[in-house]
Amino acid sequence: EAYNQTLSEQRAGAVSGYLTAQGIAYDRITRK
């Protein structure tokens, strides 16, 4: 469970980080 939780957070972070890098406003995005 601990490993999967970390992996899911890392993947959500990677995706949200890419969106902001492509011009999506940071304050529009939350990640979980």
All heavy atoms as atom14 arrays in JSON, in Angstrom:
{
  "sequence": "EAYNQTLSEQRAGAVSGYLTAQGIAYDRITRK",
  "atom14_mask": [
    [1, 1, 1, 1, 1, 1, 1, 1, 1, 0, 0, 0, 0, 0],
    [1, 1, 1, 1, 1, 0, 0, 0, 0, 0, 0, 0, 0, 0],
    [1, 1, 1, 1, 1, 1, 1, 1, 1, 1, 1, 1, 0, 0],
    [1, 1, 1, 1, 1, 1, 1, 1, 0, 0, 0, 0, 0, 0],
    [1, 1, 1, 1, 1, 1, 1, 1, 1, 0, 0, 0, 0, 0],
    [1, 1, 1, 1, 1, 1, 1, 0, 0, 0, 0, 0, 0, 0],
    [1, 1, 1, 1, 1, 1, 1, 1, 0, 0, 0, 0, 0, 0],
    [1, 1, 1, 1, 1, 1, 0, 0, 0, 0, 0, 0, 0, 0],
    [1, 1, 1, 1, 1, 1, 1, 1, 1, 0, 0, 0, 0, 0],
    [1, 1, 1, 1, 1, 1, 1, 1, 1, 0, 0, 0, 0, 0],
    [1, 1, 1, 1, 1, 1, 1, 1, 1, 1, 1, 0, 0, 0],
    [1, 1, 1, 1, 1, 0, 0, 0, 0, 0, 0, 0, 0, 0],
    [1, 1, 1, 1, 0, 0, 0, 0, 0, 0, 0, 0, 0, 0],
    [1, 1, 1, 1, 1, 0, 0, 0, 0, 0, 0, 0, 0, 0],
    [1, 1, 1, 1, 1, 1, 1, 0, 0, 0, 0, 0, 0, 0],
    [1, 1, 1, 1, 1, 1, 0, 0, 0, 0, 0, 0, 0, 0],
    [1, 1, 1, 1, 0, 0, 0, 0, 0, 0, 0, 0, 0, 0],
    [1, 1, 1, 1, 1, 1, 1, 1, 1, 1, 1, 1, 0, 0],
    [1, 1, 1, 1, 1, 1, 1, 1, 0, 0, 0, 0, 0, 0],
    [1, 1, 1, 1, 1, 1, 1, 0, 0, 0, 0, 0, 0, 0],
    [1, 1, 1, 1, 1, 0, 0, 0, 0, 0, 0, 0, 0, 0],
    [1, 1, 1, 1, 1, 1, 1, 1, 1, 0, 0, 0, 0, 0],
    [1, 1, 1, 1, 0, 0, 0, 0, 0, 0, 0, 0, 0, 0],
    [1, 1, 1, 1, 1, 1, 1, 1, 0, 0, 0, 0, 0, 0],
    [1, 1, 1, 1, 1, 0, 0, 0, 0, 0, 0, 0, 0, 0],
    [1, 1, 1, 1, 1, 1, 1, 1, 1, 1, 1, 1, 0, 0],
    [1, 1, 1, 1, 1, 1, 1, 1, 0, 0, 0, 0, 0, 0],
    [1, 1, 1, 1, 1, 1, 1, 1, 1, 1, 1, 0, 0, 0],
    [1, 1, 1, 1, 1, 1, 1, 1, 0, 0, 0, 0, 0, 0],
    [1, 1, 1, 1, 1, 1, 1, 0, 0, 0, 0, 0, 0, 0],
    [1, 1, 1, 1, 1, 1, 1, 1, 1, 1, 1, 0, 0, 0],
    [1, 1, 1, 1, 1, 1, 1, 1, 1, 0, 0, 0, 0, 0]
  ],
  "atom14_positions": [
    [[0.83, -1.21, 0.0], [0.0, 0.0, 0.0], [0.86, 1.25, 0.0], [0.56, 2.23, -0.69], [-0.93, 0.0, 1.21], [-2.06, -1.0, 1.13], [-3.05, -0.85, 2.26], [-3.06, 0.23, 2.9], [-3.8, -1.8, 2.52], [0.0, 0.0, 0.0], [0.0, 0.0, 0.0], [0.0, 0.0, 0.0], [0.0, 0.0, 0.0], [0.0, 0.0, 0.0]],
    [[1.92, 1.24, 0.8], [2.79, 2.42, 0.89], [3.47, 2.72, -0.45], [3.54, 3.87, -0.87], [3.84, 2.2, 1.98], [0.0, 0.0, 0.0], [0.0, 0.0, 0.0], [0.0, 0.0, 0.0], [0.0, 0.0, 0.0], [0.0, 0.0, 0.0], [0.0, 0.0, 0.0], [0.0, 0.0, 0.0], [0.0, 0.0, 0.0], [0.0, 0.0, 0.0]],
    [[3.94, 1.67, -1.11], [4.6, 1.86, -2.4], [3.61, 2.4, -3.43], [3.92, 3.34, -4.19], [5.18, 0.54, -2.9], [5.89, 0.67, -4.23], [7.21, 1.1, -4.28], [5.23, 0.4, -5.42], [7.87, 1.24, -5.5], [5.87, 0.54, -6.64], [7.19, 0.96, -6.68], [7.83, 1.12, -7.88], [0.0, 0.0, 0.0], [0.0, 0.0, 0.0]],
    [[2.42, 1.82, -3.48], [1.42, 2.25, -4.44], [0.97, 3.68, -4.17], [0.71, 4.45, -5.11], [0.21, 1.31, -4.41], [0.53, -0.03, -5.05], [1.4, -0.13, -5.9], [-0.17, -1.08, -4.62], [0.0, 0.0, 0.0], [0.0, 0.0, 0.0], [0.0, 0.0, 0.0], [0.0, 0.0, 0.0], [0.0, 0.0, 0.0], [0.0, 0.0, 0.0]],
    [[0.87, 4.06, -2.91], [0.49, 5.43, -2.58], [1.53, 6.42, -3.11], [1.19, 7.42, -3.74], [0.35, 5.59, -1.07], [-0.02, 6.99, -0.6], [-1.37, 7.45, -1.11], [-2.29, 6.65, -1.24], [-1.5, 8.72, -1.42], [0.0, 0.0, 0.0], [0.0, 0.0, 0.0], [0.0, 0.0, 0.0], [0.0, 0.0, 0.0], [0.0, 0.0, 0.0]],
    [[2.78, 6.1, -2.88], [3.86, 6.98, -3.36], [3.87, 7.06, -4.88], [4.01, 8.15, -5.45], [5.22, 6.47, -2.85], [5.24, 6.49, -1.42], [6.36, 7.35, -3.37], [0.0, 0.0, 0.0], [0.0, 0.0, 0.0], [0.0, 0.0, 0.0], [0.0, 0.0, 0.0], [0.0, 0.0, 0.0], [0.0, 0.0, 0.0], [0.0, 0.0, 0.0]],
    [[3.7, 5.91, -5.55], [3.71, 5.9, -7.01], [2.56, 6.73, -7.56], [2.74, 7.49, -8.52], [3.61, 4.46, -7.52], [3.61, 4.28, -9.04], [4.91, 4.81, -9.64], [3.41, 2.8, -9.4], [0.0, 0.0, 0.0], [0.0, 0.0, 0.0], [0.0, 0.0, 0.0], [0.0, 0.0, 0.0], [0.0, 0.0, 0.0], [0.0, 0.0, 0.0]],
    [[1.38, 6.62, -6.96], [0.23, 7.39, -7.44], [0.46, 8.89, -7.27], [0.08, 9.69, -8.13], [-1.05, 6.95, -6.72], [-1.05, 7.34, -5.36], [0.0, 0.0, 0.0], [0.0, 0.0, 0.0], [0.0, 0.0, 0.0], [0.0, 0.0, 0.0], [0.0, 0.0, 0.0], [0.0, 0.0, 0.0], [0.0, 0.0, 0.0], [0.0, 0.0, 0.0]],
    [[1.07, 9.26, -6.17], [1.37, 10.68, -5.93], [2.4, 11.19, -6.93], [2.29, 12.32, -7.44], [1.86, 10.88, -4.51], [0.8, 10.64, -3.44], [1.37, 10.65, -2.04], [2.6, 10.8, -1.88], [0.57, 10.48, -1.08], [0.0, 0.0, 0.0], [0.0, 0.0, 0.0], [0.0, 0.0, 0.0], [0.0, 0.0, 0.0], [0.0, 0.0, 0.0]],
    [[3.41, 10.37, -7.21], [4.45, 10.77, -8.16], [3.87, 10.93, -9.56], [4.23, 11.87, -10.29], [5.57, 9.73, -8.17], [6.4, 9.71, -6.9], [7.39, 8.55, -6.87], [7.22, 7.54, -7.57], [8.42, 8.67, -6.05], [0.0, 0.0, 0.0], [0.0, 0.0, 0.0], [0.0, 0.0, 0.0], [0.0, 0.0, 0.0], [0.0, 0.0, 0.0]],
    [[2.96, 10.05, -9.94], [2.37, 10.14, -11.27], [1.45, 11.35, -11.38], [1.47, 12.06, -12.4], [1.61, 8.85, -11.58], [2.54, 7.69, -11.88], [1.82, 6.41, -12.19], [2.73, 5.42, -12.79], [2.39, 4.2, -13.15], [1.14, 3.79, -12.98], [3.28, 3.39, -13.69], [0.0, 0.0, 0.0], [0.0, 0.0, 0.0], [0.0, 0.0, 0.0]],
    [[0.66, 11.6, -10.35], [-0.19, 12.8, -10.36], [0.68, 14.06, -10.42], [0.34, 15.03, -11.12], [-1.08, 12.82, -9.13], [0.0, 0.0, 0.0], [0.0, 0.0, 0.0], [0.0, 0.0, 0.0], [0.0, 0.0, 0.0], [0.0, 0.0, 0.0], [0.0, 0.0, 0.0], [0.0, 0.0, 0.0], [0.0, 0.0, 0.0], [0.0, 0.0, 0.0]],
    [[1.79, 14.03, -9.69], [2.7, 15.17, -9.72], [3.36, 15.38, -11.07], [3.5, 16.52, -11.53], [0.0, 0.0, 0.0], [0.0, 0.0, 0.0], [0.0, 0.0, 0.0], [0.0, 0.0, 0.0], [0.0, 0.0, 0.0], [0.0, 0.0, 0.0], [0.0, 0.0, 0.0], [0.0, 0.0, 0.0], [0.0, 0.0, 0.0], [0.0, 0.0, 0.0]],
    [[3.74, 14.28, -11.72], [4.37, 14.38, -13.04], [3.41, 14.98, -14.06], [3.78, 15.84, -14.87], [4.85, 13.01, -13.5], [0.0, 0.0, 0.0], [0.0, 0.0, 0.0], [0.0, 0.0, 0.0], [0.0, 0.0, 0.0], [0.0, 0.0, 0.0], [0.0, 0.0, 0.0], [0.0, 0.0, 0.0], [0.0, 0.0, 0.0], [0.0, 0.0, 0.0]],
    [[2.17, 14.53, -14.01], [1.17, 15.03, -14.96], [0.85, 16.5, -14.69], [0.82, 17.32, -15.62], [-0.11, 14.17, -14.9], [-1.23, 14.82, -15.71], [0.17, 12.77, -15.41], [0.0, 0.0, 0.0], [0.0, 0.0, 0.0], [0.0, 0.0, 0.0], [0.0, 0.0, 0.0], [0.0, 0.0, 0.0], [0.0, 0.0, 0.0], [0.0, 0.0, 0.0]],
    [[0.59, 16.85, -13.44], [0.24, 18.23, -13.13], [1.41, 19.17, -13.42], [1.21, 20.29, -13.9], [-0.2, 18.37, -11.66], [0.83, 17.97, -10.78], [0.0, 0.0, 0.0], [0.0, 0.0, 0.0], [0.0, 0.0, 0.0], [0.0, 0.0, 0.0], [0.0, 0.0, 0.0], [0.0, 0.0, 0.0], [0.0, 0.0, 0.0], [0.0, 0.0, 0.0]],
    [[2.64, 18.7, -13.15], [3.81, 19.51, -13.47], [3.94, 19.77, -14.95], [4.3, 20.87, -15.38], [0.0, 0.0, 0.0], [0.0, 0.0, 0.0], [0.0, 0.0, 0.0], [0.0, 0.0, 0.0], [0.0, 0.0, 0.0], [0.0, 0.0, 0.0], [0.0, 0.0, 0.0], [0.0, 0.0, 0.0], [0.0, 0.0, 0.0], [0.0, 0.0, 0.0]],
    [[3.62, 18.75, -15.77], [3.69, 18.92, -17.21], [2.63, 19.91, -17.69], [2.91, 20.74, -18.57], [3.52, 17.58, -17.93], [3.77, 17.67, -19.41], [5.06, 17.7, -19.91], [2.7, 17.77, -20.3], [5.3, 17.81, -21.27], [2.93, 17.89, -21.66], [4.22, 17.9, -22.15], [4.46, 18.04, -23.49], [0.0, 0.0, 0.0], [0.0, 0.0, 0.0]],
    [[1.44, 19.84, -17.12], [0.38, 20.77, -17.52], [0.79, 22.21, -17.26], [0.59, 23.09, -18.11], [-0.92, 20.46, -16.76], [-1.6, 19.12, -17.04], [-2.92, 19.03, -16.27], [-1.85, 18.91, -18.53], [0.0, 0.0, 0.0], [0.0, 0.0, 0.0], [0.0, 0.0, 0.0], [0.0, 0.0, 0.0], [0.0, 0.0, 0.0], [0.0, 0.0, 0.0]],
    [[1.36, 22.47, -16.09], [1.77, 23.84, -15.79], [2.92, 24.28, -16.69], [2.99, 25.45, -17.09], [2.17, 23.99, -14.31], [3.21, 23.05, -13.99], [0.99, 23.75, -13.39], [0.0, 0.0, 0.0], [0.0, 0.0, 0.0], [0.0, 0.0, 0.0], [0.0, 0.0, 0.0], [0.0, 0.0, 0.0], [0.0, 0.0, 0.0], [0.0, 0.0, 0.0]],
    [[3.82, 23.35, -17.02], [4.93, 23.68, -17.92], [4.43, 24.04, -19.31], [5.09, 24.79, -20.05], [5.9, 22.51, -18.01], [0.0, 0.0, 0.0], [0.0, 0.0, 0.0], [0.0, 0.0, 0.0], [0.0, 0.0, 0.0], [0.0, 0.0, 0.0], [0.0, 0.0, 0.0], [0.0, 0.0, 0.0], [0.0, 0.0, 0.0], [0.0, 0.0, 0.0]],
    [[3.25, 23.54, -19.67], [2.68, 23.83, -20.99], [1.71, 25.01, -20.96], [1.0, 25.26, -21.94], [1.96, 22.59, -21.53], [2.84, 21.36, -21.65], [4.14, 21.65, -22.38], [4.13, 22.14, -23.51], [5.26, 21.35, -21.73], [0.0, 0.0, 0.0], [0.0, 0.0, 0.0], [0.0, 0.0, 0.0], [0.0, 0.0, 0.0], [0.0, 0.0, 0.0]],
    [[1.68, 25.73, -19.84], [0.93, 26.97, -19.81], [-0.37, 26.96, -19.04], [-1.06, 27.99, -18.97], [0.0, 0.0, 0.0], [0.0, 0.0, 0.0], [0.0, 0.0, 0.0], [0.0, 0.0, 0.0], [0.0, 0.0, 0.0], [0.0, 0.0, 0.0], [0.0, 0.0, 0.0], [0.0, 0.0, 0.0], [0.0, 0.0, 0.0], [0.0, 0.0, 0.0]],
    [[-0.75, 25.82, -18.45], [-1.95, 25.8, -17.62], [-1.62, 26.49, -16.29], [-0.63, 26.16, -15.64], [-2.42, 24.35, -17.34], [-2.72, 23.62, -18.66], [-3.66, 24.36, -16.45], [-3.84, 24.21, -19.47], [0.0, 0.0, 0.0], [0.0, 0.0, 0.0], [0.0, 0.0, 0.0], [0.0, 0.0, 0.0], [0.0, 0.0, 0.0], [0.0, 0.0, 0.0]],
    [[-2.44, 27.44, -15.9], [-2.17, 28.21, -14.69], [-2.06, 27.29, -13.47], [-2.89, 26.39, -13.27], [-3.28, 29.25, -14.47], [0.0, 0.0, 0.0], [0.0, 0.0, 0.0], [0.0, 0.0, 0.0], [0.0, 0.0, 0.0], [0.0, 0.0, 0.0], [0.0, 0.0, 0.0], [0.0, 0.0, 0.0], [0.0, 0.0, 0.0], [0.0, 0.0, 0.0]],
    [[-1.05, 27.54, -12.66], [-0.77, 26.7, -11.49], [-1.96, 26.65, -10.54], [-2.26, 25.59, -9.97], [0.47, 27.24, -10.77], [0.87, 26.45, -9.55], [1.63, 25.3, -9.67], [0.48, 26.86, -8.27], [2.01, 24.56, -8.56], [0.85, 26.13, -7.15], [1.61, 24.99, -7.3], [1.98, 24.26, -6.19], [0.0, 0.0, 0.0], [0.0, 0.0, 0.0]],
    [[-2.65, 27.79, -10.38], [-3.73, 27.83, -9.39], [-5.0, 27.13, -9.87], [-5.97, 27.01, -9.12], [-4.05, 29.27, -8.97], [-4.48, 30.15, -10.13], [-4.58, 29.65, -11.28], [-4.7, 31.35, -9.9], [0.0, 0.0, 0.0], [0.0, 0.0, 0.0], [0.0, 0.0, 0.0], [0.0, 0.0, 0.0], [0.0, 0.0, 0.0], [0.0, 0.0, 0.0]],
    [[-5.01, 26.65, -11.09], [-6.16, 25.86, -11.58], [-6.04, 24.39, -11.18], [-7.03, 23.67, -11.24], [-6.24, 25.93, -13.11], [-6.62, 27.27, -13.7], [-6.66, 27.21, -15.22], [-7.68, 26.26, -15.7], [-7.79, 25.89, -16.97], [-6.93, 26.35, -17.88], [-8.75, 25.05, -17.33], [0.0, 0.0, 0.0], [0.0, 0.0, 0.0], [0.0, 0.0, 0.0]],
    [[-4.86, 23.95, -10.81], [-4.58, 22.53, -10.68], [-4.38, 22.12, -9.22], [-3.67, 22.78, -8.47], [-3.33, 22.14, -11.48], [-3.51, 22.51, -12.96], [-3.03, 20.66, -11.34], [-2.25, 22.29, -13.79], [0.0, 0.0, 0.0], [0.0, 0.0, 0.0], [0.0, 0.0, 0.0], [0.0, 0.0, 0.0], [0.0, 0.0, 0.0], [0.0, 0.0, 0.0]],
    [[-5.02, 21.02, -8.84], [-4.69, 20.33, -7.6], [-4.34, 18.9, -7.97], [-4.75, 18.39, -9.02], [-5.87, 20.32, -6.61], [-7.01, 19.72, -7.23], [-6.22, 21.72, -6.16], [0.0, 0.0, 0.0], [0.0, 0.0, 0.0], [0.0, 0.0, 0.0], [0.0, 0.0, 0.0], [0.0, 0.0, 0.0], [0.0, 0.0, 0.0], [0.0, 0.0, 0.0]],
    [[-3.56, 18.25, -7.13], [-3.16, 16.87, -7.44], [-3.31, 16.0, -6.2], [-3.06, 16.44, -5.08], [-1.73, 16.84, -7.95], [-0.7, 17.34, -6.96], [0.64, 17.49, -7.62], [1.69, 17.81, -6.66], [2.91, 18.21, -6.99], [3.23, 18.33, -8.26], [3.8, 18.48, -6.06], [0.0, 0.0, 0.0], [0.0, 0.0, 0.0], [0.0, 0.0, 0.0]],
    [[-3.72, 14.77, -6.43], [-3.93, 13.83, -5.34], [-3.54, 12.43, -5.79], [-3.76, 12.05, -6.94], [-5.39, 13.82, -4.89], [-5.87, 15.12, -4.26], [-7.32, 15.02, -3.82], [-7.8, 16.32, -3.19], [-9.24, 16.23, -2.78], [0.0, 0.0, 0.0], [0.0, 0.0, 0.0], [0.0, 0.0, 0.0], [0.0, 0.0, 0.0], [0.0, 0.0, 0.0]]
  ]
}
